């Protein structure tokens, strides 16, 4: 389970910081500023921002379930691995504007978290 948590945090690093920074390199001065003024963003950047918001909404419950499973000794590795895989494919699906498959990946990740929680009851 420790590896899944580390991989999940790596996904968060890429999705929350590295991907937006890479897409925003043309505004490098803004990145180094206090960011008081909004900047114009591309549709791709806006999609990445929305995907990031979605990850942040599910990250705390996912990590809580993982830590709780470790604490009480219940193995939820398979469901957690599927959750992580679905969250990884969610990002490029969102970036490409593939709404049906993106929504299916999101729904699948939600089902994985529900299944993880049910195993802990």
PDB file of N, CA and C in Angstrom:
ATOM      1  N   UNK A   1       0.832  -1.194   0.000  1.00  0.00           N
ATOM      2  CA  UNK A   1       0.000   0.000   0.000  1.00  0.00           C
ATOM      3  C   UNK A   1       0.873   1.252   0.000  1.00  0.00           C
ATOM      4  N   UNK A   2       2.034   1.160   0.630  1.00  0.00           N
ATOM      5  CA  UNK A   2       2.925   2.313   0.678  1.00  0.00           C
ATOM      6  C   UNK A   2       3.292   2.783  -0.722  1.00  0.00           C
ATOM      7  N   UNK A   3       3.537   1.819  -1.616  1.00  0.00           N
ATOM      8  CA  UNK A   3       3.905   2.176  -2.992  1.00  0.00           C
ATOM      9  C   UNK A   3       2.765   2.907  -3.697  1.00  0.00           C
ATOM     10  N   UNK A   4       1.535   2.464  -3.469  1.00  0.00           N
ATOM     11  CA  UNK A   4       0.377   3.116  -4.090  1.00  0.00           C
ATOM     12  C   UNK A   4       0.266   4.560  -3.603  1.00  0.00           C
ATOM     13  N   UNK A   5       0.493   4.770  -2.316  1.00  0.00           N
ATOM     14  CA  UNK A   5       0.443   6.132  -1.771  1.00  0.00           C
ATOM     15  C   UNK A   5       1.529   6.992  -2.403  1.00  0.00           C
ATOM     16  N   UNK A   6       2.729   6.453  -2.543  1.00  0.00           N
ATOM     17  CA  UNK A   6       3.827   7.212  -3.149  1.00  0.00           C
ATOM     18  C   UNK A   6       3.526   7.524  -4.612  1.00  0.00           C
ATOM     19  N   UNK A   7       3.009   6.546  -5.357  1.00  0.00           N
ATOM     20  CA  UNK A   7       2.658   6.782  -6.757  1.00  0.00           C
ATOM     21  C   UNK A   7       1.534   7.807  -6.879  1.00  0.00           C
ATOM     22  N   UNK A   8       0.597   7.775  -5.956  1.00  0.00           N
ATOM     23  CA  UNK A   8      -0.504   8.744  -5.958  1.00  0.00           C
ATOM     24  C   UNK A   8       0.029  10.148  -5.699  1.00  0.00           C
ATOM     25  N   UNK A   9       0.959  10.275  -4.773  1.00  0.00           N
ATOM     26  CA  UNK A   9       1.557  11.583  -4.508  1.00  0.00           C
ATOM     27  C   UNK A   9       2.389  12.056  -5.696  1.00  0.00           C
ATOM     28  N   UNK A  10       3.006  11.124  -6.411  1.00  0.00           N
ATOM     29  CA  UNK A  10       3.732  11.496  -7.635  1.00  0.00           C
ATOM     30  C   UNK A  10       2.755  12.008  -8.695  1.00  0.00           C
ATOM     31  N   UNK A  11       1.602  11.354  -8.820  1.00  0.00           N
ATOM     32  CA  UNK A  11       0.572  11.841  -9.738  1.00  0.00           C
ATOM     33  C   UNK A  11       0.142  13.248  -9.355  1.00  0.00           C
ATOM     34  N   UNK A  12      -0.052  13.472  -8.064  1.00  0.00           N
ATOM     35  CA  UNK A  12      -0.445  14.805  -7.596  1.00  0.00           C
ATOM     36  C   UNK A  12       0.634  15.830  -7.944  1.00  0.00           C
ATOM     37  N   UNK A  13       1.888  15.483  -7.765  1.00  0.00           N
ATOM     38  CA  UNK A  13       2.986  16.386  -8.114  1.00  0.00           C
ATOM     39  C   UNK A  13       2.941  16.749  -9.589  1.00  0.00           C
ATOM     40  N   UNK A  14       2.779  15.757 -10.431  1.00  0.00           N
ATOM     41  CA  UNK A  14       2.735  16.003 -11.874  1.00  0.00           C
ATOM     42  C   UNK A  14       1.509  16.825 -12.245  1.00  0.00           C
ATOM     43  N   UNK A  15       0.354  16.411 -11.746  1.00  0.00           N
ATOM     44  CA  UNK A  15      -0.891  17.044 -12.182  1.00  0.00           C
ATOM     45  C   UNK A  15      -1.106  18.416 -11.565  1.00  0.00           C
ATOM     46  N   UNK A  16      -0.713  18.609 -10.327  1.00  0.00           N
ATOM     47  CA  UNK A  16      -0.985  19.876  -9.651  1.00  0.00           C
ATOM     48  C   UNK A  16       0.078  20.919  -9.942  1.00  0.00           C
ATOM     49  N   UNK A  17       1.333  20.494 -10.088  1.00  0.00           N
ATOM     50  CA  UNK A  17       2.404  21.478 -10.246  1.00  0.00           C
ATOM     51  C   UNK A  17       3.112  21.418 -11.589  1.00  0.00           C
ATOM     52  N   UNK A  18       3.606  20.252 -11.964  1.00  0.00           N
ATOM     53  CA  UNK A  18       4.456  20.184 -13.152  1.00  0.00           C
ATOM     54  C   UNK A  18       3.703  20.404 -14.456  1.00  0.00           C
ATOM     55  N   UNK A  19       2.565  19.773 -14.625  1.00  0.00           N
ATOM     56  CA  UNK A  19       1.806  19.936 -15.863  1.00  0.00           C
ATOM     57  C   UNK A  19       1.327  21.378 -16.063  1.00  0.00           C
ATOM     58  N   UNK A  20       0.699  21.996 -15.057  1.00  0.00           N
ATOM     59  CA  UNK A  20       0.306  23.395 -15.255  1.00  0.00           C
ATOM     60  C   UNK A  20       1.503  24.324 -15.504  1.00  0.00           C
ATOM     61  N   UNK A  21       2.611  24.085 -14.809  1.00  0.00           N
ATOM     62  CA  UNK A  21       3.788  24.925 -15.003  1.00  0.00           C
ATOM     63  C   UNK A  21       4.322  24.769 -16.427  1.00  0.00           C
ATOM     64  N   UNK A  22       4.368  23.537 -16.913  1.00  0.00           N
ATOM     65  CA  UNK A  22       4.860  23.291 -18.266  1.00  0.00           C
ATOM     66  C   UNK A  22       3.978  23.957 -19.311  1.00  0.00           C
ATOM     67  N   UNK A  23       2.680  23.888 -19.119  1.00  0.00           N
ATOM     68  CA  UNK A  23       1.762  24.509 -20.075  1.00  0.00           C
ATOM     69  C   UNK A  23       1.779  26.029 -19.987  1.00  0.00           C
ATOM     70  N   UNK A  24       2.320  26.554 -18.919  1.00  0.00           N
ATOM     71  CA  UNK A  24       2.297  27.997 -18.684  1.00  0.00           C
ATOM     72  C   UNK A  24       3.680  28.634 -18.812  1.00  0.00           C
ATOM     73  N   UNK A  25       4.608  27.984 -19.474  1.00  0.00           N
ATOM     74  CA  UNK A  25       5.973  28.504 -19.576  1.00  0.00           C
ATOM     75  C   UNK A  25       6.046  29.840 -20.313  1.00  0.00           C
ATOM     76  N   UNK A  26       5.095  30.119 -21.180  1.00  0.00           N
ATOM     77  CA  UNK A  26       5.118  31.402 -21.880  1.00  0.00           C
ATOM     78  C   UNK A  26       4.864  32.564 -20.921  1.00  0.00           C
ATOM     79  N   UNK A  27       4.297  32.248 -19.771  1.00  0.00           N
ATOM     80  CA  UNK A  27       4.038  33.258 -18.738  1.00  0.00           C
ATOM     81  C   UNK A  27       4.999  33.081 -17.565  1.00  0.00           C
ATOM     82  N   UNK A  28       6.264  32.825 -17.878  1.00  0.00           N
ATOM     83  CA  UNK A  28       7.253  32.516 -16.848  1.00  0.00           C
ATOM     84  C   UNK A  28       7.379  33.641 -15.819  1.00  0.00           C
ATOM     85  N   UNK A  29       7.350  34.873 -16.264  1.00  0.00           N
ATOM     86  CA  UNK A  29       7.441  36.001 -15.327  1.00  0.00           C
ATOM     87  C   UNK A  29       6.270  35.985 -14.349  1.00  0.00           C
ATOM     88  N   UNK A  30       5.089  35.625 -14.846  1.00  0.00           N
ATOM     89  CA  UNK A  30       3.913  35.531 -13.972  1.00  0.00           C
ATOM     90  C   UNK A  30       4.089  34.412 -12.949  1.00  0.00           C
ATOM     91  N   UNK A  31       4.677  33.286 -13.387  1.00  0.00           N
ATOM     92  CA  UNK A  31       4.906  32.163 -12.475  1.00  0.00           C
ATOM     93  C   UNK A  31       5.815  32.555 -11.316  1.00  0.00           C
ATOM     94  N   UNK A  32       6.748  33.467 -11.570  1.00  0.00           N
ATOM     95  CA  UNK A  32       7.685  33.903 -10.537  1.00  0.00           C
ATOM     96  C   UNK A  32       7.152  35.072  -9.714  1.00  0.00           C
ATOM     97  N   UNK A  33       6.022  35.601 -10.114  1.00  0.00           N
ATOM     98  CA  UNK A  33       5.461  36.773  -9.437  1.00  0.00           C
ATOM     99  C   UNK A  33       4.562  36.346  -8.276  1.00  0.00           C
ATOM    100  N   UNK A  34       3.941  37.331  -7.666  1.00  0.00           N
ATOM    101  CA  UNK A  34       2.974  37.039  -6.605  1.00  0.00           C
ATOM    102  C   UNK A  34       1.608  36.672  -7.178  1.00  0.00           C
ATOM    103  N   UNK A  35       1.477  36.707  -8.488  1.00  0.00           N
ATOM    104  CA  UNK A  35       0.277  36.282  -9.223  1.00  0.00           C
ATOM    105  C   UNK A  35      -0.977  37.060  -8.825  1.00  0.00           C
ATOM    106  N   UNK A  36      -0.808  38.357  -8.665  1.00  0.00           N
ATOM    107  CA  UNK A  36      -1.937  39.199  -8.284  1.00  0.00           C
ATOM    108  C   UNK A  36      -2.925  39.398  -9.420  1.00  0.00           C
ATOM    109  N   UNK A  37      -2.436  39.381 -10.631  1.00  0.00           N
ATOM    110  CA  UNK A  37      -3.282  39.607 -11.800  1.00  0.00           C
ATOM    111  C   UNK A  37      -3.558  38.287 -12.502  1.00  0.00           C
ATOM    112  N   UNK A  38      -4.794  38.073 -12.921  1.00  0.00           N
ATOM    113  CA  UNK A  38      -5.079  36.845 -13.686  1.00  0.00           C
ATOM    114  C   UNK A  38      -4.451  36.937 -15.075  1.00  0.00           C
ATOM    115  N   UNK A  39      -4.182  35.795 -15.652  1.00  0.00           N
ATOM    116  CA  UNK A  39      -3.638  35.764 -17.002  1.00  0.00           C
ATOM    117  C   UNK A  39      -4.577  34.991 -17.902  1.00  0.00           C
ATOM    118  N   UNK A  40      -4.462  35.232 -19.181  1.00  0.00           N
ATOM    119  CA  UNK A  40      -5.259  34.478 -20.152  1.00  0.00           C
ATOM    120  C   UNK A  40      -4.697  33.066 -20.239  1.00  0.00           C
ATOM    121  N   UNK A  41      -5.584  32.099 -20.227  1.00  0.00           N
ATOM    122  CA  UNK A  41      -5.147  30.710 -20.335  1.00  0.00           C
ATOM    123  C   UNK A  41      -5.814  30.052 -21.529  1.00  0.00           C
ATOM    124  N   UNK A  42      -5.183  29.014 -22.009  1.00  0.00           N
ATOM    125  CA  UNK A  42      -5.732  28.275 -23.140  1.00  0.00           C
ATOM    126  C   UNK A  42      -6.798  27.302 -22.644  1.00  0.00           C
ATOM    127  N   UNK A  43      -7.546  26.765 -23.569  1.00  0.00           N
ATOM    128  CA  UNK A  43      -8.559  25.762 -23.234  1.00  0.00           C
ATOM    129  C   UNK A  43      -7.882  24.558 -22.596  1.00  0.00           C
ATOM    130  N   UNK A  44      -6.714  24.174 -23.110  1.00  0.00           N
ATOM    131  CA  UNK A  44      -5.980  23.043 -22.554  1.00  0.00           C
ATOM    132  C   UNK A  44      -5.592  23.300 -21.094  1.00  0.00           C
ATOM    133  N   UNK A  45      -5.104  24.501 -20.809  1.00  0.00           N
ATOM    134  CA  UNK A  45      -4.761  24.841 -19.429  1.00  0.00           C
ATOM    135  C   UNK A  45      -5.991  24.816 -18.526  1.00  0.00           C
ATOM    136  N   UNK A  46      -7.106  25.287 -19.028  1.00  0.00           N
ATOM    137  CA  UNK A  46      -8.340  25.276 -18.246  1.00  0.00           C
ATOM    138  C   UNK A  46      -8.796  23.847 -17.967  1.00  0.00           C
ATOM    139  N   UNK A  47      -8.629  22.963 -18.935  1.00  0.00           N
ATOM    140  CA  UNK A  47      -8.985  21.558 -18.716  1.00  0.00           C
ATOM    141  C   UNK A  47      -8.084  20.927 -17.661  1.00  0.00           C
ATOM    142  N   UNK A  48      -6.792  21.224 -17.744  1.00  0.00           N
ATOM    143  CA  UNK A  48      -5.854  20.698 -16.748  1.00  0.00           C
ATOM    144  C   UNK A  48      -6.215  21.223 -15.363  1.00  0.00           C
ATOM    145  N   UNK A  49      -6.593  22.489 -15.282  1.00  0.00           N
ATOM    146  CA  UNK A  49      -7.000  23.063 -13.990  1.00  0.00           C
ATOM    147  C   UNK A  49      -8.236  22.354 -13.429  1.00  0.00           C
ATOM    148  N   UNK A  50      -9.204  22.061 -14.299  1.00  0.00           N
ATOM    149  CA  UNK A  50     -10.414  21.380 -13.830  1.00  0.00           C
ATOM    150  C   UNK A  50     -10.100  19.937 -13.406  1.00  0.00           C
ATOM    151  N   UNK A  51      -9.230  19.273 -14.162  1.00  0.00           N
ATOM    152  CA  UNK A  51      -8.831  17.916 -13.791  1.00  0.00           C
ATOM    153  C   UNK A  51      -8.079  17.930 -12.464  1.00  0.00           C
ATOM    154  N   UNK A  52      -7.280  18.952 -12.247  1.00  0.00           N
ATOM    155  CA  UNK A  52      -6.553  19.094 -10.989  1.00  0.00           C
ATOM    156  C   UNK A  52      -7.509  19.321  -9.829  1.00  0.00           C
ATOM    157  N   UNK A  53      -8.487  20.181 -10.024  1.00  0.00           N
ATOM    158  CA  UNK A  53      -9.494  20.401  -8.978  1.00  0.00           C
ATOM    159  C   UNK A  53     -10.188  19.091  -8.626  1.00  0.00           C
ATOM    160  N   UNK A  54     -10.485  18.300  -9.650  1.00  0.00           N
ATOM    161  CA  UNK A  54     -11.154  17.022  -9.431  1.00  0.00           C
ATOM    162  C   UNK A  54     -10.256  16.066  -8.645  1.00  0.00           C
ATOM    163  N   UNK A  55      -8.975  16.015  -8.976  1.00  0.00           N
ATOM    164  CA  UNK A  55      -8.042  15.162  -8.230  1.00  0.00           C
ATOM    165  C   UNK A  55      -7.955  15.606  -6.779  1.00  0.00           C
ATOM    166  N   UNK A  56      -7.861  16.905  -6.558  1.00  0.00           N
ATOM    167  CA  UNK A  56      -7.743  17.412  -5.194  1.00  0.00           C
ATOM    168  C   UNK A  56      -8.984  17.078  -4.366  1.00  0.00           C
ATOM    169  N   UNK A  57     -10.139  17.010  -4.999  1.00  0.00           N
ATOM    170  CA  UNK A  57     -11.360  16.672  -4.276  1.00  0.00           C
ATOM    171  C   UNK A  57     -11.365  15.221  -3.823  1.00  0.00           C
ATOM    172  N   UNK A  58     -10.722  14.348  -4.569  1.00  0.00           N
ATOM    173  CA  UNK A  58     -10.748  12.927  -4.212  1.00  0.00           C
ATOM    174  C   UNK A  58      -9.470  12.455  -3.526  1.00  0.00           C
ATOM    175  N   UNK A  59      -8.444  13.273  -3.521  1.00  0.00           N
ATOM    176  CA  UNK A  59      -7.149  12.845  -2.978  1.00  0.00           C
ATOM    177  C   UNK A  59      -7.200  12.582  -1.475  1.00  0.00           C
ATOM    178  N   UNK A  60      -7.782  13.469  -0.709  1.00  0.00           N
ATOM    179  CA  UNK A  60      -7.825  13.287   0.748  1.00  0.00           C
ATOM    180  C   UNK A  60      -8.624  12.043   1.149  1.00  0.00           C
ATOM    181  N   UNK A  61      -9.831  11.828   0.594  1.00  0.00           N
ATOM    182  CA  UNK A  61     -10.537  10.593   0.954  1.00  0.00           C
ATOM    183  C   UNK A  61      -9.776   9.328   0.549  1.00  0.00           C
ATOM    184  N   UNK A  62      -9.145   9.354  -0.627  1.00  0.00           N
ATOM    185  CA  UNK A  62      -8.370   8.194  -1.071  1.00  0.00           C
ATOM    186  C   UNK A  62      -7.227   7.899  -0.108  1.00  0.00           C
ATOM    187  N   UNK A  63      -6.458   8.931   0.226  1.00  0.00           N
ATOM    188  CA  UNK A  63      -5.333   8.726   1.140  1.00  0.00           C
ATOM    189  C   UNK A  63      -5.808   8.294   2.518  1.00  0.00           C
ATOM    190  N   UNK A  64      -6.928   8.839   2.967  1.00  0.00           N
ATOM    191  CA  UNK A  64      -7.477   8.427   4.265  1.00  0.00           C
ATOM    192  C   UNK A  64      -7.849   6.952   4.245  1.00  0.00           C
ATOM    193  N   UNK A  65      -8.472   6.491   3.172  1.00  0.00           N
ATOM    194  CA  UNK A  65      -8.823   5.080   3.063  1.00  0.00           C
ATOM    195  C   UNK A  65      -7.577   4.197   3.052  1.00  0.00           C
ATOM    196  N   UNK A  66      -6.544   4.631   2.329  1.00  0.00           N
ATOM    197  CA  UNK A  66      -5.295   3.863   2.284  1.00  0.00           C
ATOM    198  C   UNK A  66      -4.662   3.765   3.664  1.00  0.00           C
ATOM    199  N   UNK A  67      -4.568   4.894   4.354  1.00  0.00           N
ATOM    200  CA  UNK A  67      -3.955   4.890   5.679  1.00  0.00           C
ATOM    201  C   UNK A  67      -4.780   4.087   6.681  1.00  0.00           C
ATOM    202  N   UNK A  68      -6.089   4.200   6.611  1.00  0.00           N
ATOM    203  CA  UNK A  68      -6.948   3.431   7.495  1.00  0.00           C
ATOM    204  C   UNK A  68      -6.796   1.935   7.236  1.00  0.00           C
ATOM    205  N   UNK A  69      -6.692   1.562   5.971  1.00  0.00           N
ATOM    206  CA  UNK A  69      -6.521   0.140   5.648  1.00  0.00           C
ATOM    207  C   UNK A  69      -5.206  -0.387   6.211  1.00  0.00           C
ATOM    208  N   UNK A  70      -4.168   0.433   6.157  1.00  0.00           N
ATOM    209  CA  UNK A  70      -2.885   0.020   6.732  1.00  0.00           C
ATOM    210  C   UNK A  70      -2.993  -0.101   8.248  1.00  0.00           C
ATOM    211  N   UNK A  71      -3.720   0.800   8.854  1.00  0.00           N
ATOM    212  CA  UNK A  71      -3.857   0.815  10.312  1.00  0.00           C
ATOM    213  C   UNK A  71      -4.620  -0.404  10.828  1.00  0.00           C
ATOM    214  N   UNK A  72      -5.698  -0.764  10.126  1.00  0.00           N
ATOM    215  CA  UNK A  72      -6.502  -1.889  10.615  1.00  0.00           C
ATOM    216  C   UNK A  72      -6.125  -3.212   9.957  1.00  0.00           C
ATOM    217  N   UNK A  73      -5.199  -3.174   9.006  1.00  0.00           N
ATOM    218  CA  UNK A  73      -4.694  -4.400   8.412  1.00  0.00           C
ATOM    219  C   UNK A  73      -5.585  -5.042   7.369  1.00  0.00           C
ATOM    220  N   UNK A  74      -6.317  -4.239   6.631  1.00  0.00           N
ATOM    221  CA  UNK A  74      -7.168  -4.746   5.553  1.00  0.00           C
ATOM    222  C   UNK A  74      -6.498  -4.409   4.220  1.00  0.00           C
ATOM    223  N   UNK A  75      -6.355  -5.398   3.365  1.00  0.00           N
ATOM    224  CA  UNK A  75      -5.675  -5.192   2.084  1.00  0.00           C
ATOM    225  C   UNK A  75      -6.658  -4.674   1.032  1.00  0.00           C
ATOM    226  N   UNK A  76      -6.479  -3.420   0.636  1.00  0.00           N
ATOM    227  CA  UNK A  76      -7.315  -2.822  -0.417  1.00  0.00           C
ATOM    228  C   UNK A  76      -6.445  -2.421  -1.614  1.00  0.00           C
ATOM    229  N   UNK A  77      -5.298  -3.082  -1.729  1.00  0.00           N
ATOM    230  CA  UNK A  77      -4.313  -2.723  -2.754  1.00  0.00           C
ATOM    231  C   UNK A  77      -4.885  -2.802  -4.162  1.00  0.00           C
ATOM    232  N   UNK A  78      -5.641  -3.834  -4.458  1.00  0.00           N
ATOM    233  CA  UNK A  78      -6.166  -3.998  -5.814  1.00  0.00           C
ATOM    234  C   UNK A  78      -7.084  -2.843  -6.193  1.00  0.00           C
ATOM    235  N   UNK A  79      -8.027  -2.519  -5.334  1.00  0.00           N
ATOM    236  CA  UNK A  79      -8.940  -1.412  -5.627  1.00  0.00           C
ATOM    237  C   UNK A  79      -8.188  -0.089  -5.699  1.00  0.00           C
ATOM    238  N   UNK A  80      -7.198   0.100  -4.821  1.00  0.00           N
ATOM    239  CA  UNK A  80      -6.410   1.337  -4.828  1.00  0.00           C
ATOM    240  C   UNK A  80      -5.589   1.445  -6.111  1.00  0.00           C
ATOM    241  N   UNK A  81      -5.079   0.320  -6.580  1.00  0.00           N
ATOM    242  CA  UNK A  81      -4.303   0.322  -7.831  1.00  0.00           C
ATOM    243  C   UNK A  81      -5.193   0.677  -9.010  1.00  0.00           C
ATOM    244  N   UNK A  82      -6.397   0.120  -9.039  1.00  0.00           N
ATOM    245  CA  UNK A  82      -7.340   0.477 -10.107  1.00  0.00           C
ATOM    246  C   UNK A  82      -7.706   1.960 -10.030  1.00  0.00           C
ATOM    247  N   UNK A  83      -7.919   2.466  -8.816  1.00  0.00           N
ATOM    248  CA  UNK A  83      -8.234   3.884  -8.645  1.00  0.00           C
ATOM    249  C   UNK A  83      -7.112   4.736  -9.236  1.00  0.00           C
ATOM    250  N   UNK A  84      -5.882   4.394  -8.883  1.00  0.00           N
ATOM    251  CA  UNK A  84      -4.739   5.164  -9.377  1.00  0.00           C
ATOM    252  C   UNK A  84      -4.646   5.089 -10.894  1.00  0.00           C
ATOM    253  N   UNK A  85      -4.823   3.902 -11.451  1.00  0.00           N
ATOM    254  CA  UNK A  85      -4.770   3.762 -12.903  1.00  0.00           C
ATOM    255  C   UNK A  85      -5.834   4.593 -13.604  1.00  0.00           C
ATOM    256  N   UNK A  86      -7.032   4.572 -13.064  1.00  0.00           N
ATOM    257  CA  UNK A  86      -8.113   5.372 -13.647  1.00  0.00           C
ATOM    258  C   UNK A  86      -7.834   6.865 -13.525  1.00  0.00           C
ATOM    259  N   UNK A  87      -7.252   7.288 -12.401  1.00  0.00           N
ATOM    260  CA  UNK A  87      -6.920   8.707 -12.231  1.00  0.00           C
ATOM    261  C   UNK A  87      -5.804   9.121 -13.188  1.00  0.00           C
ATOM    262  N   UNK A  88      -4.885   8.220 -13.471  1.00  0.00           N
ATOM    263  CA  UNK A  88      -3.798   8.530 -14.415  1.00  0.00           C
ATOM    264  C   UNK A  88      -4.364   8.713 -15.820  1.00  0.00           C
ATOM    265  N   UNK A  89      -5.271   7.821 -16.253  1.00  0.00           N
ATOM    266  CA  UNK A  89      -5.823   7.971 -17.606  1.00  0.00           C
ATOM    267  C   UNK A  89      -6.848   9.090 -17.692  1.00  0.00           C
ATOM    268  N   UNK A  90      -7.394   9.499 -16.554  1.00  0.00           N
ATOM    269  CA  UNK A  90      -8.367  10.594 -16.520  1.00  0.00           C
ATOM    270  C   UNK A  90      -7.756  11.897 -17.059  1.00  0.00           C
ATOM    271  N   UNK A  91      -6.502  12.150 -16.718  1.00  0.00           N
ATOM    272  CA  UNK A  91      -5.862  13.420 -17.102  1.00  0.00           C
ATOM    273  C   UNK A  91      -5.777  13.581 -18.620  1.00  0.00           C
ATOM    274  N   UNK A  92      -5.173  12.647 -19.362  1.00  0.00           N
ATOM    275  CA  UNK A  92      -5.124  12.849 -20.821  1.00  0.00           C
ATOM    276  C   UNK A  92      -6.500  12.824 -21.476  1.00  0.00           C
ATOM    277  N   UNK A  93      -7.434  12.060 -20.887  1.00  0.00           N
ATOM    278  CA  UNK A  93      -8.790  12.067 -21.438  1.00  0.00           C
ATOM    279  C   UNK A  93      -9.428  13.440 -21.266  1.00  0.00           C
ATOM    280  N   UNK A  94      -9.207  14.063 -20.111  1.00  0.00           N
ATOM    281  CA  UNK A  94      -9.748  15.404 -19.886  1.00  0.00           C
ATOM    282  C   UNK A  94      -9.058  16.410 -20.804  1.00  0.00           C
ATOM    283  N   UNK A  95      -7.739  16.285 -20.926  1.00  0.00           N
ATOM    284  CA  UNK A  95      -6.983  17.220 -21.767  1.00  0.00           C
ATOM    285  C   UNK A  95      -7.423  17.145 -23.224  1.00  0.00           C
ATOM    286  N   UNK A  96      -7.774  15.946 -23.670  1.00  0.00           N
ATOM    287  CA  UNK A  96      -8.156  15.781 -25.075  1.00  0.00           C
ATOM    288  C   UNK A  96      -9.616  16.125 -25.338  1.00  0.00           C
ATOM    289  N   UNK A  97     -10.385  16.372 -24.281  1.00  0.00           N
ATOM    290  CA  UNK A  97     -11.783  16.741 -24.453  1.00  0.00           C
ATOM    291  C   UNK A  97     -12.688  15.544 -24.720  1.00  0.00           C
ATOM    292  N   UNK A  98     -12.224  14.363 -24.353  1.00  0.00           N
ATOM    293  CA  UNK A  98     -13.000  13.143 -24.553  1.00  0.00           C
ATOM    294  C   UNK A  98     -13.942  12.969 -23.378  1.00  0.00           C
ATOM    295  N   UNK A  99     -15.103  13.574 -23.451  1.00  0.00           N
ATOM    296  CA  UNK A  99     -15.963  13.662 -22.276  1.00  0.00           C
ATOM    297  C   UNK A  99     -16.554  12.326 -21.844  1.00  0.00           C
ATOM    298  N   UNK A 100     -17.001  11.481 -22.767  1.00  0.00           N
ATOM    299  CA  UNK A 100     -17.629  10.223 -22.368  1.00  0.00           C
ATOM    300  C   UNK A 100     -16.639   9.324 -21.638  1.00  0.00           C
ATOM    301  N   UNK A 101     -15.469   9.093 -22.225  1.00  0.00           N
ATOM    302  CA  UNK A 101     -14.475   8.215 -21.613  1.00  0.00           C
ATOM    303  C   UNK A 101     -13.889   8.833 -20.350  1.00  0.00           C
ATOM    304  N   UNK A 102     -13.746  10.153 -20.359  1.00  0.00           N
ATOM    305  CA  UNK A 102     -13.279  10.846 -19.149  1.00  0.00           C
ATOM    306  C   UNK A 102     -14.253  10.617 -18.011  1.00  0.00           C
ATOM    307  N   UNK A 103     -15.537  10.775 -18.292  1.00  0.00           N
ATOM    308  CA  UNK A 103     -16.561  10.561 -17.264  1.00  0.00           C
ATOM    309  C   UNK A 103     -16.585   9.112 -16.803  1.00  0.00           C
ATOM    310  N   UNK A 104     -16.359   8.180 -17.719  1.00  0.00           N
ATOM    311  CA  UNK A 104     -16.314   6.756 -17.358  1.00  0.00           C
ATOM    312  C   UNK A 104     -15.122   6.483 -16.441  1.00  0.00           C
ATOM    313  N   UNK A 105     -13.980   7.104 -16.724  1.00  0.00           N
ATOM    314  CA  UNK A 105     -12.797   6.931 -15.865  1.00  0.00           C
ATOM    315  C   UNK A 105     -13.067   7.514 -14.486  1.00  0.00           C
ATOM    316  N   UNK A 106     -13.699   8.679 -14.445  1.00  0.00           N
ATOM    317  CA  UNK A 106     -14.026   9.294 -13.152  1.00  0.00           C
ATOM    318  C   UNK A 106     -14.988   8.410 -12.366  1.00  0.00           C
ATOM    319  N   UNK A 107     -16.030   7.932 -13.028  1.00  0.00           N
ATOM    320  CA  UNK A 107     -17.008   7.083 -12.365  1.00  0.00           C
ATOM    321  C   UNK A 107     -16.356   5.799 -11.862  1.00  0.00           C
ATOM    322  N   UNK A 108     -15.477   5.231 -12.677  1.00  0.00           N
ATOM    323  CA  UNK A 108     -14.754   4.033 -12.257  1.00  0.00           C
ATOM    324  C   UNK A 108     -13.906   4.286 -11.027  1.00  0.00           C
ATOM    325  N   UNK A 109     -13.246   5.431 -10.969  1.00  0.00           N
ATOM    326  CA  UNK A 109     -12.427   5.748  -9.795  1.00  0.00           C
ATOM    327  C   UNK A 109     -13.307   5.949  -8.565  1.00  0.00           C
ATOM    328  N   UNK A 110     -14.483   6.513  -8.746  1.00  0.00           N
ATOM    329  CA  UNK A 110     -15.418   6.676  -7.636  1.00  0.00           C
ATOM    330  C   UNK A 110     -15.889   5.313  -7.116  1.00  0.00           C
ATOM    331  N   UNK A 111     -16.195   4.410  -8.033  1.00  0.00           N
ATOM    332  CA  UNK A 111     -16.600   3.059  -7.651  1.00  0.00           C
ATOM    333  C   UNK A 111     -15.473   2.373  -6.882  1.00  0.00           C
ATOM    334  N   UNK A 112     -14.238   2.568  -7.323  1.00  0.00           N
ATOM    335  CA  UNK A 112     -13.088   1.988  -6.610  1.00  0.00           C
ATOM    336  C   UNK A 112     -13.013   2.501  -5.176  1.00  0.00           C
ATOM    337  N   UNK A 113     -13.216   3.798  -4.978  1.00  0.00           N
ATOM    338  CA  UNK A 113     -13.158   4.334  -3.616  1.00  0.00           C
ATOM    339  C   UNK A 113     -14.308   3.805  -2.758  1.00  0.00           C
ATOM    340  N   UNK A 114     -15.471   3.676  -3.343  1.00  0.00           N
ATOM    341  CA  UNK A 114     -16.596   3.118  -2.587  1.00  0.00           C
ATOM    342  C   UNK A 114     -16.294   1.675  -2.199  1.00  0.00           C
ATOM    343  N   UNK A 115     -15.736   0.919  -3.134  1.00  0.00           N
ATOM    344  CA  UNK A 115     -15.368  -0.467  -2.856  1.00  0.00           C
ATOM    345  C   UNK A 115     -14.290  -0.532  -1.762  1.00  0.00           C
ATOM    346  N   UNK A 116     -13.320   0.370  -1.827  1.00  0.00           N
ATOM    347  CA  UNK A 116     -12.284   0.425  -0.794  1.00  0.00           C
ATOM    348  C   UNK A 116     -12.918   0.665   0.572  1.00  0.00           C
ATOM    349  N   UNK A 117     -13.832   1.612   0.642  1.00  0.00           N
ATOM    350  CA  UNK A 117     -14.487   1.934   1.909  1.00  0.00           C
ATOM    351  C   UNK A 117     -15.313   0.752   2.407  1.00  0.00           C
ATOM    352  N   UNK A 118     -15.989   0.069   1.508  1.00  0.00           N
ATOM    353  CA  UNK A 118     -16.817  -1.062   1.918  1.00  0.00           C
ATOM    354  C   UNK A 118     -15.965  -2.187   2.498  1.00  0.00           C
ATOM    355  N   UNK A 119     -14.754  -2.354   1.996  1.00  0.00           N
ATOM    356  CA  UNK A 119     -13.870  -3.393   2.519  1.00  0.00           C
ATOM    357  C   UNK A 119     -13.397  -3.068   3.940  1.00  0.00           C
ATOM    358  N   UNK A 120     -13.471  -1.817   4.308  1.00  0.00           N
ATOM    359  CA  UNK A 120     -12.990  -1.402   5.632  1.00  0.00           C
ATOM    360  C   UNK A 120     -14.081  -1.471   6.698  1.00  0.00           C
ATOM    361  N   UNK A 121     -15.300  -1.706   6.290  1.00  0.00           N
ATOM    362  CA  UNK A 121     -16.417  -1.750   7.255  1.00  0.00           C
ATOM    363  C   UNK A 121     -16.470  -3.122   7.923  1.00  0.00           C
TER     364      UNK A 121
END
